[in-house]
Amino acid sequence: HILGKAYPDEKGSGNLDLVRREAGDVGIYHVWPAQHKIWFQRHRSVFGLMNPSWFSRAFWRQVLSDGASSSMPQVLHVTGITPLISVNTRAAWDHALEEAWAIKEDSILGRKLVV
């Protein structure tokens, strides 16, 4: 099954080395059921205040190249929310896209990268 292919241990624990932990809240999630409102605040969160160099182009080159020998296409999925949170998240988002496009345009790799 597909989960076993993506995560050989079927849990994804091998991907935990990509997780960076910092002190503080990642965000605050508010729910007001009576008003049918949901609000997720990340502006002054650890995520919003992150150092964009944590996710440099070199970081993304390594992450996106890890499956280079696979015949399966690599996929980088980003959202439009991330660059709106702060200038730091915008810089990290830019690094991901810049490196993905550079790899995608490199015909020497002979593989598919979907951006």
PDB file of N, CA and C in Angstrom:
ATOM      1  N   HIS A   1       0.824  -1.186   0.000  1.00  0.00           N
ATOM      2  CA  HIS A   1       0.000   0.000   0.000  1.00  0.00           C
ATOM      3  C   HIS A   1       0.869   1.250   0.000  1.00  0.00           C
ATOM      4  N   ILE A   2       0.296   2.384  -0.368  1.00  0.00           N
ATOM      5  CA  ILE A   2       1.067   3.606  -0.603  1.00  0.00           C
ATOM      6  C   ILE A   2       1.765   4.123   0.651  1.00  0.00           C
ATOM      7  N   LEU A   3       1.167   3.978   1.833  1.00  0.00           N
ATOM      8  CA  LEU A   3       1.799   4.460   3.062  1.00  0.00           C
ATOM      9  C   LEU A   3       3.104   3.718   3.310  1.00  0.00           C
ATOM     10  N   GLY A   4       3.118   2.429   3.034  1.00  0.00           N
ATOM     11  CA  GLY A   4       4.332   1.647   3.213  1.00  0.00           C
ATOM     12  C   GLY A   4       5.448   2.083   2.282  1.00  0.00           C
ATOM     13  N   LYS A   5       5.084   2.594   1.094  1.00  0.00           N
ATOM     14  CA  LYS A   5       6.092   3.080   0.165  1.00  0.00           C
ATOM     15  C   LYS A   5       6.639   4.432   0.594  1.00  0.00           C
ATOM     16  N   ALA A   6       5.763   5.301   1.098  1.00  0.00           N
ATOM     17  CA  ALA A   6       6.196   6.632   1.527  1.00  0.00           C
ATOM     18  C   ALA A   6       6.962   6.563   2.836  1.00  0.00           C
ATOM     19  N   TYR A   7       6.536   5.675   3.712  1.00  0.00           N
ATOM     20  CA  TYR A   7       7.143   5.538   5.039  1.00  0.00           C
ATOM     21  C   TYR A   7       7.426   4.064   5.281  1.00  0.00           C
ATOM     22  N   PRO A   8       8.665   3.620   5.043  1.00  0.00           N
ATOM     23  CA  PRO A   8       8.971   2.194   5.186  1.00  0.00           C
ATOM     24  C   PRO A   8       8.554   1.615   6.538  1.00  0.00           C
ATOM     25  N   ASP A   9       8.600   2.422   7.604  1.00  0.00           N
ATOM     26  CA  ASP A   9       8.187   1.913   8.918  1.00  0.00           C
ATOM     27  C   ASP A   9       6.681   2.078   9.131  1.00  0.00           C
ATOM     28  N   GLU A  10       5.969   2.566   8.111  1.00  0.00           N
ATOM     29  CA  GLU A  10       4.531   2.803   8.104  1.00  0.00           C
ATOM     30  C   GLU A  10       4.074   3.835   9.128  1.00  0.00           C
ATOM     31  N   LYS A  11       5.021   4.557   9.741  1.00  0.00           N
ATOM     32  CA  LYS A  11       4.680   5.586  10.722  1.00  0.00           C
ATOM     33  C   LYS A  11       5.235   6.953  10.337  1.00  0.00           C
ATOM     34  N   GLY A  12       6.226   6.983   9.488  1.00  0.00           N
ATOM     35  CA  GLY A  12       6.845   8.240   9.113  1.00  0.00           C
ATOM     36  C   GLY A  12       7.907   8.705  10.091  1.00  0.00           C
ATOM     37  N   SER A  13       8.293   7.848  11.035  1.00  0.00           N
ATOM     38  CA  SER A  13       9.263   8.285  12.043  1.00  0.00           C
ATOM     39  C   SER A  13      10.622   8.622  11.432  1.00  0.00           C
ATOM     40  N   GLY A  14      10.922   8.096  10.269  1.00  0.00           N
ATOM     41  CA  GLY A  14      12.164   8.437   9.585  1.00  0.00           C
ATOM     42  C   GLY A  14      12.204   9.876   9.121  1.00  0.00           C
ATOM     43  N   ASN A  15      11.045  10.515   9.013  1.00  0.00           N
ATOM     44  CA  ASN A  15      10.977  11.909   8.577  1.00  0.00           C
ATOM     45  C   ASN A  15      11.119  12.889   9.728  1.00  0.00           C
ATOM     46  N   LEU A  16      11.200  12.401  10.962  1.00  0.00           N
ATOM     47  CA  LEU A  16      11.291  13.304  12.111  1.00  0.00           C
ATOM     48  C   LEU A  16      12.578  14.108  12.123  1.00  0.00           C
ATOM     49  N   ASP A  17      13.618  13.675  11.394  1.00  0.00           N
ATOM     50  CA  ASP A  17      14.851  14.458  11.343  1.00  0.00           C
ATOM     51  C   ASP A  17      14.647  15.752  10.572  1.00  0.00           C
ATOM     52  N   LEU A  18      13.528  15.884   9.860  1.00  0.00           N
ATOM     53  CA  LEU A  18      13.213  17.123   9.156  1.00  0.00           C
ATOM     54  C   LEU A  18      12.444  18.109  10.033  1.00  0.00           C
ATOM     55  N   VAL A  19      12.060  17.678  11.230  1.00  0.00           N
ATOM     56  CA  VAL A  19      11.268  18.524  12.127  1.00  0.00           C
ATOM     57  C   VAL A  19      12.205  19.330  13.007  1.00  0.00           C
ATOM     58  N   ARG A  20      11.977  20.625  13.039  1.00  0.00           N
ATOM     59  CA  ARG A  20      12.760  21.507  13.905  1.00  0.00           C
ATOM     60  C   ARG A  20      11.860  21.941  15.047  1.00  0.00           C
ATOM     61  N   ARG A  21      12.340  21.811  16.271  1.00  0.00           N
ATOM     62  CA  ARG A  21      11.555  22.187  17.439  1.00  0.00           C
ATOM     63  C   ARG A  21      12.182  23.415  18.095  1.00  0.00           C
ATOM     64  N   GLU A  22      11.342  24.391  18.383  1.00  0.00           N
ATOM     65  CA  GLU A  22      11.751  25.614  19.061  1.00  0.00           C
ATOM     66  C   GLU A  22      10.769  25.877  20.195  1.00  0.00           C
ATOM     67  N   ALA A  23      11.210  26.598  21.213  1.00  0.00           N
ATOM     68  CA  ALA A  23      10.331  26.929  22.331  1.00  0.00           C
ATOM     69  C   ALA A  23       9.256  27.915  21.867  1.00  0.00           C
ATOM     70  N   GLY A  24       8.038  27.721  22.322  1.00  0.00           N
ATOM     71  CA  GLY A  24       6.948  28.635  21.989  1.00  0.00           C
ATOM     72  C   GLY A  24       5.822  27.937  21.263  1.00  0.00           C
ATOM     73  N   ASP A  25       4.791  28.692  20.978  1.00  0.00           N
ATOM     74  CA  ASP A  25       3.621  28.169  20.276  1.00  0.00           C
ATOM     75  C   ASP A  25       3.834  28.207  18.775  1.00  0.00           C
ATOM     76  N   VAL A  26       3.382  27.174  18.098  1.00  0.00           N
ATOM     77  CA  VAL A  26       3.393  27.167  16.639  1.00  0.00           C
ATOM     78  C   VAL A  26       2.287  28.079  16.133  1.00  0.00           C
ATOM     79  N   GLY A  27       1.218  28.141  16.882  1.00  0.00           N
ATOM     80  CA  GLY A  27       0.085  28.993  16.546  1.00  0.00           C
ATOM     81  C   GLY A  27      -1.005  28.782  17.572  1.00  0.00           C
ATOM     82  N   ILE A  28      -1.993  29.606  17.504  1.00  0.00           N
ATOM     83  CA  ILE A  28      -3.128  29.489  18.418  1.00  0.00           C
ATOM     84  C   ILE A  28      -4.381  29.333  17.566  1.00  0.00           C
ATOM     85  N   TYR A  29      -5.136  28.316  17.867  1.00  0.00           N
ATOM     86  CA  TYR A  29      -6.346  27.970  17.120  1.00  0.00           C
ATOM     87  C   TYR A  29      -7.559  28.331  17.970  1.00  0.00           C
ATOM     88  N   HIS A  30      -8.395  29.215  17.478  1.00  0.00           N
ATOM     89  CA  HIS A  30      -9.591  29.658  18.197  1.00  0.00           C
ATOM     90  C   HIS A  30     -10.839  29.169  17.469  1.00  0.00           C
ATOM     91  N   VAL A  31     -11.812  28.698  18.229  1.00  0.00           N
ATOM     92  CA  VAL A  31     -13.086  28.261  17.651  1.00  0.00           C
ATOM     93  C   VAL A  31     -14.220  28.919  18.434  1.00  0.00           C
ATOM     94  N   TRP A  32     -15.129  29.562  17.710  1.00  0.00           N
ATOM     95  CA  TRP A  32     -16.335  30.146  18.295  1.00  0.00           C
ATOM     96  C   TRP A  32     -17.529  29.468  17.620  1.00  0.00           C
ATOM     97  N   PRO A  33     -17.999  28.335  18.186  1.00  0.00           N
ATOM     98  CA  PRO A  33     -19.075  27.570  17.538  1.00  0.00           C
ATOM     99  C   PRO A  33     -20.359  28.372  17.320  1.00  0.00           C
ATOM    100  N   ALA A  34     -20.749  29.179  18.275  1.00  0.00           N
ATOM    101  CA  ALA A  34     -22.001  29.934  18.137  1.00  0.00           C
ATOM    102  C   ALA A  34     -21.947  30.897  16.956  1.00  0.00           C
ATOM    103  N   GLN A  35     -20.770  31.451  16.693  1.00  0.00           N
ATOM    104  CA  GLN A  35     -20.618  32.397  15.581  1.00  0.00           C
ATOM    105  C   GLN A  35     -20.159  31.707  14.290  1.00  0.00           C
ATOM    106  N   HIS A  36     -19.937  30.395  14.351  1.00  0.00           N
ATOM    107  CA  HIS A  36     -19.426  29.641  13.207  1.00  0.00           C
ATOM    108  C   HIS A  36     -18.121  30.256  12.697  1.00  0.00           C
ATOM    109  N   LYS A  37     -17.218  30.575  13.638  1.00  0.00           N
ATOM    110  CA  LYS A  37     -15.943  31.197  13.288  1.00  0.00           C
ATOM    111  C   LYS A  37     -14.778  30.328  13.768  1.00  0.00           C
ATOM    112  N   ILE A  38     -13.762  30.297  12.950  1.00  0.00           N
ATOM    113  CA  ILE A  38     -12.505  29.642  13.293  1.00  0.00           C
ATOM    114  C   ILE A  38     -11.397  30.619  12.929  1.00  0.00           C
ATOM    115  N   TRP A  39     -10.410  30.726  13.800  1.00  0.00           N
ATOM    116  CA  TRP A  39      -9.298  31.639  13.539  1.00  0.00           C
ATOM    117  C   TRP A  39      -8.016  30.983  13.998  1.00  0.00           C
ATOM    118  N   PHE A  40      -7.023  30.949  13.135  1.00  0.00           N
ATOM    119  CA  PHE A  40      -5.729  30.369  13.454  1.00  0.00           C
ATOM    120  C   PHE A  40      -4.696  31.476  13.394  1.00  0.00           C
ATOM    121  N   GLN A  41      -4.171  31.850  14.547  1.00  0.00           N
ATOM    122  CA  GLN A  41      -3.242  32.972  14.646  1.00  0.00           C
ATOM    123  C   GLN A  41      -1.807  32.450  14.704  1.00  0.00           C
ATOM    124  N   ARG A  42      -0.967  32.873  13.759  1.00  0.00           N
ATOM    125  CA  ARG A  42       0.446  32.481  13.753  1.00  0.00           C
ATOM    126  C   ARG A  42       1.379  33.685  13.676  1.00  0.00           C
ATOM    127  N   HIS A  43       0.843  34.889  13.617  1.00  0.00           N
ATOM    128  CA  HIS A  43       1.667  36.067  13.363  1.00  0.00           C
ATOM    129  C   HIS A  43       2.851  36.194  14.319  1.00  0.00           C
ATOM    130  N   ARG A  44       2.660  36.099  15.604  1.00  0.00           N
ATOM    131  CA  ARG A  44       3.761  36.214  16.570  1.00  0.00           C
ATOM    132  C   ARG A  44       4.138  34.849  17.153  1.00  0.00           C
ATOM    133  N   SER A  45       3.909  33.829  16.384  1.00  0.00           N
ATOM    134  CA  SER A  45       4.226  32.466  16.807  1.00  0.00           C
ATOM    135  C   SER A  45       5.678  32.135  16.460  1.00  0.00           C
ATOM    136  N   VAL A  46       6.138  30.993  16.952  1.00  0.00           N
ATOM    137  CA  VAL A  46       7.477  30.512  16.592  1.00  0.00           C
ATOM    138  C   VAL A  46       7.565  30.363  15.075  1.00  0.00           C
ATOM    139  N   PHE A  47       6.495  29.902  14.463  1.00  0.00           N
ATOM    140  CA  PHE A  47       6.467  29.749  13.010  1.00  0.00           C
ATOM    141  C   PHE A  47       6.629  31.091  12.313  1.00  0.00           C
ATOM    142  N   GLY A  48       5.890  32.102  12.760  1.00  0.00           N
ATOM    143  CA  GLY A  48       5.956  33.424  12.134  1.00  0.00           C
ATOM    144  C   GLY A  48       7.270  34.132  12.360  1.00  0.00           C
ATOM    145  N   LEU A  49       7.929  33.824  13.486  1.00  0.00           N
ATOM    146  CA  LEU A  49       9.191  34.478  13.830  1.00  0.00           C
ATOM    147  C   LEU A  49      10.418  33.659  13.457  1.00  0.00           C
ATOM    148  N   MET A  50      10.214  32.549  12.757  1.00  0.00           N
ATOM    149  CA  MET A  50      11.339  31.663  12.434  1.00  0.00           C
ATOM    150  C   MET A  50      12.426  32.378  11.638  1.00  0.00           C
ATOM    151  N   ASN A  51      13.600  31.830  11.728  1.00  0.00           N
ATOM    152  CA  ASN A  51      14.729  32.320  10.952  1.00  0.00           C
ATOM    153  C   ASN A  51      14.644  31.669   9.572  1.00  0.00           C
ATOM    154  N   PRO A  52      14.486  32.446   8.503  1.00  0.00           N
ATOM    155  CA  PRO A  52      14.323  31.830   7.181  1.00  0.00           C
ATOM    156  C   PRO A  52      15.524  31.006   6.733  1.00  0.00           C
ATOM    157  N   SER A  53      16.685  31.212   7.352  1.00  0.00           N
ATOM    158  CA  SER A  53      17.850  30.410   6.976  1.00  0.00           C
ATOM    159  C   SER A  53      17.693  28.948   7.407  1.00  0.00           C
ATOM    160  N   TRP A  54      16.764  28.664   8.330  1.00  0.00           N
ATOM    161  CA  TRP A  54      16.485  27.267   8.690  1.00  0.00           C
ATOM    162  C   TRP A  54      16.022  26.502   7.460  1.00  0.00           C
ATOM    163  N   PHE A  55      15.363  27.196   6.551  1.00  0.00           N
ATOM    164  CA  PHE A  55      14.833  26.586   5.336  1.00  0.00           C
ATOM    165  C   PHE A  55      15.467  27.265   4.116  1.00  0.00           C
ATOM    166  N   SER A  56      16.785  27.209   4.066  1.00  0.00           N
ATOM    167  CA  SER A  56      17.552  27.836   2.985  1.00  0.00           C
ATOM    168  C   SER A  56      17.387  27.040   1.693  1.00  0.00           C
ATOM    169  N   ARG A  57      17.913  27.584   0.619  1.00  0.00           N
ATOM    170  CA  ARG A  57      17.877  26.844  -0.646  1.00  0.00           C
ATOM    171  C   ARG A  57      18.658  25.543  -0.527  1.00  0.00           C
ATOM    172  N   ALA A  58      19.761  25.547   0.251  1.00  0.00           N
ATOM    173  CA  ALA A  58      20.536  24.315   0.451  1.00  0.00           C
ATOM    174  C   ALA A  58      19.692  23.260   1.169  1.00  0.00           C
ATOM    175  N   PHE A  59      18.909  23.682   2.160  1.00  0.00           N
ATOM    176  CA  PHE A  59      18.006  22.763   2.858  1.00  0.00           C
ATOM    177  C   PHE A  59      17.037  22.136   1.854  1.00  0.00           C
ATOM    178  N   TRP A  60      16.391  22.972   1.032  1.00  0.00           N
ATOM    179  CA  TRP A  60      15.415  22.462   0.073  1.00  0.00           C
ATOM    180  C   TRP A  60      16.075  21.604  -0.999  1.00  0.00           C
ATOM    181  N   ARG A  61      17.297  21.946  -1.396  1.00  0.00           N
ATOM    182  CA  ARG A  61      18.018  21.122  -2.385  1.00  0.00           C
ATOM    183  C   ARG A  61      18.195  19.714  -1.838  1.00  0.00           C
ATOM    184  N   GLN A  62      18.589  19.611  -0.558  1.00  0.00           N
ATOM    185  CA  GLN A  62      18.779  18.294   0.059  1.00  0.00           C
ATOM    186  C   GLN A  62      17.451  17.542   0.164  1.00  0.00           C
ATOM    187  N   VAL A  63      16.414  18.202   0.648  1.00  0.00           N
ATOM    188  CA  VAL A  63      15.110  17.556   0.805  1.00  0.00           C
ATOM    189  C   VAL A  63      14.562  17.093  -0.538  1.00  0.00           C
ATOM    190  N   LEU A  64      14.650  17.939  -1.545  1.00  0.00           N
ATOM    191  CA  LEU A  64      14.084  17.606  -2.852  1.00  0.00           C
ATOM    192  C   LEU A  64      14.950  16.645  -3.652  1.00  0.00           C
ATOM    193  N   SER A  65      16.191  16.456  -3.249  1.00  0.00           N
ATOM    194  CA  SER A  65      17.083  15.544  -3.957  1.00  0.00           C
ATOM    195  C   SER A  65      17.131  14.166  -3.322  1.00  0.00           C
ATOM    196  N   ASP A  66      16.585  14.018  -2.113  1.00  0.00           N
ATOM    197  CA  ASP A  66      16.648  12.734  -1.414  1.00  0.00           C
ATOM    198  C   ASP A  66      16.031  11.583  -2.201  1.00  0.00           C
ATOM    199  N   GLY A  67      15.001  11.827  -2.980  1.00  0.00           N
ATOM    200  CA  GLY A  67      14.361  10.767  -3.763  1.00  0.00           C
ATOM    201  C   GLY A  67      14.735  10.807  -5.226  1.00  0.00           C
ATOM    202  N   ALA A  68      15.880  11.390  -5.542  1.00  0.00           N
ATOM    203  CA  ALA A  68      16.259  11.620  -6.944  1.00  0.00           C
ATOM    204  C   ALA A  68      16.339  10.351  -7.770  1.00  0.00           C
ATOM    205  N   SER A  69      16.681   9.229  -7.154  1.00  0.00           N
ATOM    206  CA  SER A  69      16.822   8.001  -7.932  1.00  0.00           C
ATOM    207  C   SER A  69      15.485   7.307  -8.172  1.00  0.00           C
ATOM    208  N   SER A  70      14.440   7.779  -7.530  1.00  0.00           N
ATOM    209  CA  SER A  70      13.123   7.175  -7.682  1.00  0.00           C
ATOM    210  C   SER A  70      12.517   7.516  -9.037  1.00  0.00           C
ATOM    211  N   SER A  71      11.751   6.589  -9.581  1.00  0.00           N
ATOM    212  CA  SER A  71      11.048   6.866 -10.830  1.00  0.00           C
ATOM    213  C   SER A  71       9.746   7.617 -10.575  1.00  0.00           C
ATOM    214  N   MET A  72       9.346   7.701  -9.315  1.00  0.00           N
ATOM    215  CA  MET A  72       8.127   8.435  -8.947  1.00  0.00           C
ATOM    216  C   MET A  72       8.423   9.929  -8.973  1.00  0.00           C
ATOM    217  N   PRO A  73       7.457  10.740  -9.385  1.00  0.00           N
ATOM    218  CA  PRO A  73       7.698  12.191  -9.377  1.00  0.00           C
ATOM    219  C   PRO A  73       7.802  12.729  -7.957  1.00  0.00           C
ATOM    220  N   GLN A  74       8.692  13.687  -7.765  1.00  0.00           N
ATOM    221  CA  GLN A  74       8.797  14.406  -6.504  1.00  0.00           C
ATOM    222  C   GLN A  74       7.748  15.514  -6.541  1.00  0.00           C
ATOM    223  N   VAL A  75       7.134  15.828  -5.407  1.00  0.00           N
ATOM    224  CA  VAL A  75       6.110  16.860  -5.357  1.00  0.00           C
ATOM    225  C   VAL A  75       6.436  17.830  -4.236  1.00  0.00           C
ATOM    226  N   LEU A  76       6.432  19.114  -4.550  1.00  0.00           N
ATOM    227  CA  LEU A  76       6.537  20.158  -3.535  1.00  0.00           C
ATOM    228  C   LEU A  76       5.201  20.879  -3.505  1.00  0.00           C
ATOM    229  N   HIS A  77       4.517  20.775  -2.385  1.00  0.00           N
ATOM    230  CA  HIS A  77       3.213  21.433  -2.225  1.00  0.00           C
ATOM    231  C   HIS A  77       3.378  22.581  -1.241  1.00  0.00           C
ATOM    232  N   VAL A  78       3.074  23.777  -1.668  1.00  0.00           N
ATOM    233  CA  VAL A  78       3.116  24.949  -0.786  1.00  0.00           C
ATOM    234  C   VAL A  78       1.757  25.633  -0.845  1.00  0.00           C
ATOM    235  N   THR A  79       1.453  26.400   0.198  1.00  0.00           N
ATOM    236  CA  THR A  79       0.182  27.119   0.223  1.00  0.00           C
ATOM    237  C   THR A  79       0.434  28.610   0.067  1.00  0.00           C
ATOM    238  N   GLY A  80      -0.609  29.338  -0.219  1.00  0.00           N
ATOM    239  CA  GLY A  80      -0.513  30.788  -0.325  1.00  0.00           C
ATOM    240  C   GLY A  80      -0.601  31.476   1.021  1.00  0.00           C
ATOM    241  N   ILE A  81      -0.885  30.723   2.084  1.00  0.00           N
ATOM    242  CA  ILE A  81      -0.994  31.307   3.416  1.00  0.00           C
ATOM    243  C   ILE A  81       0.394  31.593   4.000  1.00  0.00           C
ATOM    244  N   THR A  82       1.320  30.672   3.830  1.00  0.00           N
ATOM    245  CA  THR A  82       2.643  30.791   4.445  1.00  0.00           C
ATOM    246  C   THR A  82       3.326  32.127   4.177  1.00  0.00           C
ATOM    247  N   PRO A  83       3.390  32.616   2.937  1.00  0.00           N
ATOM    248  CA  PRO A  83       4.110  33.875   2.714  1.00  0.00           C
ATOM    249  C   PRO A  83       3.405  35.095   3.294  1.00  0.00           C
ATOM    250  N   LEU A  84       2.160  34.950   3.688  1.00  0.00           N
ATOM    251  CA  LEU A  84       1.415  36.086   4.228  1.00  0.00           C
ATOM    252  C   LEU A  84       1.575  36.242   5.741  1.00  0.00           C
ATOM    253  N   ILE A  85       2.144  35.258   6.409  1.00  0.00           N
ATOM    254  CA  ILE A  85       2.244  35.296   7.871  1.00  0.00           C
ATOM    255  C   ILE A  85       3.280  36.311   8.333  1.00  0.00           C
ATOM    256  N   SER A  86       4.447  36.320   7.708  1.00  0.00           N
ATOM    257  CA  SER A  86       5.501  37.266   8.089  1.00  0.00           C
ATOM    258  C   SER A  86       6.536  37.353   6.966  1.00  0.00           C
ATOM    259  N   VAL A  87       7.438  38.327   7.064  1.00  0.00           N
ATOM    260  CA  VAL A  87       8.502  38.424   6.058  1.00  0.00           C
ATOM    261  C   VAL A  87       9.430  37.214   6.155  1.00  0.00           C
ATOM    262  N   ASN A  88       9.581  36.651   7.351  1.00  0.00           N
ATOM    263  CA  ASN A  88      10.439  35.476   7.524  1.00  0.00           C
ATOM    264  C   ASN A  88       9.848  34.244   6.841  1.00  0.00           C
ATOM    265  N   THR A  89       8.546  34.040   7.012  1.00  0.00           N
ATOM    266  CA  THR A  89       7.940  32.882   6.355  1.00  0.00           C
ATOM    267  C   THR A  89       7.920  33.084   4.841  1.00  0.00           C
ATOM    268  N   ARG A  90       7.793  34.319   4.401  1.00  0.00           N
ATOM    269  CA  ARG A  90       7.846  34.605   2.955  1.00  0.00           C
ATOM    270  C   ARG A  90       9.219  34.231   2.393  1.00  0.00           C
ATOM    271  N   ALA A  91      10.277  34.571   3.123  1.00  0.00           N
ATOM    272  CA  ALA A  91      11.633  34.255   2.654  1.00  0.00           C
ATOM    273  C   ALA A  91      11.837  32.739   2.585  1.00  0.00           C
ATOM    274  N   ALA A  92      11.381  32.004   3.593  1.00  0.00           N
ATOM    275  CA  ALA A  92      11.519  30.544   3.586  1.00  0.00           C
ATOM    276  C   ALA A  92      10.722  29.933   2.436  1.00  0.00           C
ATOM    277  N   TRP A  93       9.524  30.457   2.191  1.00  0.00           N
ATOM    278  CA  TRP A  93       8.651  30.008   1.100  1.00  0.00           C
ATOM    279  C   TRP A  93       9.336  30.265  -0.242  1.00  0.00           C
ATOM    280  N   ASP A  94       9.933  31.458  -0.381  1.00  0.00           N
ATOM    281  CA  ASP A  94      10.670  31.793  -1.606  1.00  0.00           C
ATOM    282  C   ASP A  94      11.824  30.828  -1.836  1.00  0.00           C
ATOM    283  N   HIS A  95      12.568  30.495  -0.774  1.00  0.00           N
ATOM    284  CA  HIS A  95      13.692  29.560  -0.903  1.00  0.00           C
ATOM    285  C   HIS A  95      13.214  28.221  -1.466  1.00  0.00           C
ATOM    286  N   ALA A  96      12.094  27.725  -0.938  1.00  0.00           N
ATOM    287  CA  ALA A  96      11.563  26.439  -1.402  1.00  0.00           C
ATOM    288  C   ALA A  96      11.223  26.498  -2.887  1.00  0.00           C
ATOM    289  N   LEU A  97      10.501  27.535  -3.280  1.00  0.00           N
ATOM    290  CA  LEU A  97      10.092  27.638  -4.686  1.00  0.00           C
ATOM    291  C   LEU A  97      11.272  27.883  -5.618  1.00  0.00           C
ATOM    292  N   GLU A  98      12.204  28.734  -5.203  1.00  0.00           N
ATOM    293  CA  GLU A  98      13.371  29.013  -6.046  1.00  0.00           C
ATOM    294  C   GLU A  98      14.170  27.739  -6.300  1.00  0.00           C
ATOM    295  N   GLU A  99      14.396  26.966  -5.252  1.00  0.00           N
ATOM    296  CA  GLU A  99      15.183  25.741  -5.413  1.00  0.00           C
ATOM    297  C   GLU A  99      14.406  24.693  -6.204  1.00  0.00           C
ATOM    298  N   ALA A 100      13.113  24.584  -5.957  1.00  0.00           N
ATOM    299  CA  ALA A 100      12.309  23.619  -6.703  1.00  0.00           C
ATOM    300  C   ALA A 100      12.324  23.931  -8.200  1.00  0.00           C
ATOM    301  N   TRP A 101      12.172  25.206  -8.545  1.00  0.00           N
ATOM    302  CA  TRP A 101      12.196  25.582  -9.963  1.00  0.00           C
ATOM    303  C   TRP A 101      13.577  25.344 -10.563  1.00  0.00           C
ATOM    304  N   ALA A 102      14.638  25.594  -9.791  1.00  0.00           N
ATOM    305  CA  ALA A 102      15.997  25.349 -10.297  1.00  0.00           C
ATOM    306  C   ALA A 102      16.204  23.864 -10.584  1.00  0.00           C
ATOM    307  N   ILE A 103      15.727  23.012  -9.678  1.00  0.00           N
ATOM    308  CA  ILE A 103      15.853  21.565  -9.872  1.00  0.00           C
ATOM    309  C   ILE A 103      14.981  21.119 -11.041  1.00  0.00           C
ATOM    310  N   LYS A 104      13.776  21.643 -11.109  1.00  0.00           N
ATOM    311  CA  LYS A 104      12.848  21.253 -12.185  1.00  0.00           C
ATOM    312  C   LYS A 104      13.422  21.577 -13.554  1.00  0.00           C
ATOM    313  N   GLU A 105      14.112  22.701 -13.656  1.00  0.00           N
ATOM    314  CA  GLU A 105      14.663  23.133 -14.937  1.00  0.00           C
ATOM    315  C   GLU A 105      15.995  22.466 -15.270  1.00  0.00           C
ATOM    316  N   ASP A 106      16.545  21.686 -14.330  1.00  0.00           N
ATOM    317  CA  ASP A 106      17.807  20.992 -14.537  1.00  0.00           C
ATOM    318  C   ASP A 106      17.527  19.653 -15.216  1.00  0.00           C
ATOM    319  N   SER A 107      17.687  19.593 -16.507  1.00  0.00           N
ATOM    320  CA  SER A 107      17.349  18.384 -17.265  1.00  0.00           C
ATOM    321  C   SER A 107      18.322  17.234 -17.011  1.00  0.00           C
ATOM    322  N   ILE A 108      19.462  17.490 -16.400  1.00  0.00           N
ATOM    323  CA  ILE A 108      20.447  16.449 -16.139  1.00  0.00           C
ATOM    324  C   ILE A 108      19.908  15.411 -15.164  1.00  0.00           C
ATOM    325  N   LEU A 109      19.038  15.842 -14.240  1.00  0.00           N
ATOM    326  CA  LEU A 109      18.531  14.925 -13.224  1.00  0.00           C
ATOM    327  C   LEU A 109      17.690  13.797 -13.825  1.00  0.00           C
ATOM    328  N   GLY A 110      17.034  14.070 -14.925  1.00  0.00           N
ATOM    329  CA  GLY A 110      16.244  13.035 -15.576  1.00  0.00           C
ATOM    330  C   GLY A 110      15.090  12.511 -14.736  1.00  0.00           C
ATOM    331  N   ARG A 111      14.475  13.356 -13.952  1.00  0.00           N
ATOM    332  CA  ARG A 111      13.343  12.951 -13.131  1.00  0.00           C
ATOM    333  C   ARG A 111      12.308  14.055 -13.124  1.00  0.00           C
ATOM    334  N   LYS A 112      11.157  13.734 -12.603  1.00  0.00           N
ATOM    335  CA  LYS A 112      10.081  14.719 -12.572  1.00  0.00           C
ATOM    336  C   LYS A 112       9.986  15.353 -11.190  1.00  0.00           C
ATOM    337  N   LEU A 113       9.865  16.686 -11.173  1.00  0.00           N
ATOM    338  CA  LEU A 113       9.576  17.420  -9.956  1.00  0.00           C
ATOM    339  C   LEU A 113       8.350  18.252 -10.240  1.00  0.00           C
ATOM    340  N   VAL A 114       7.303  18.023  -9.505  1.00  0.00           N
ATOM    341  CA  VAL A 114       6.057  18.754  -9.685  1.00  0.00           C
ATOM    342  C   VAL A 114       6.013  19.872  -8.671  1.00  0.00           C
ATOM    343  N   VAL A 115       5.876  21.116  -9.154  1.00  0.00           N
ATOM    344  CA  VAL A 115       5.839  22.295  -8.274  1.00  0.00           C
ATOM    345  C   VAL A 115       4.504  22.976  -8.441  1.00  0.00           C
TER     346      VAL A 115
END
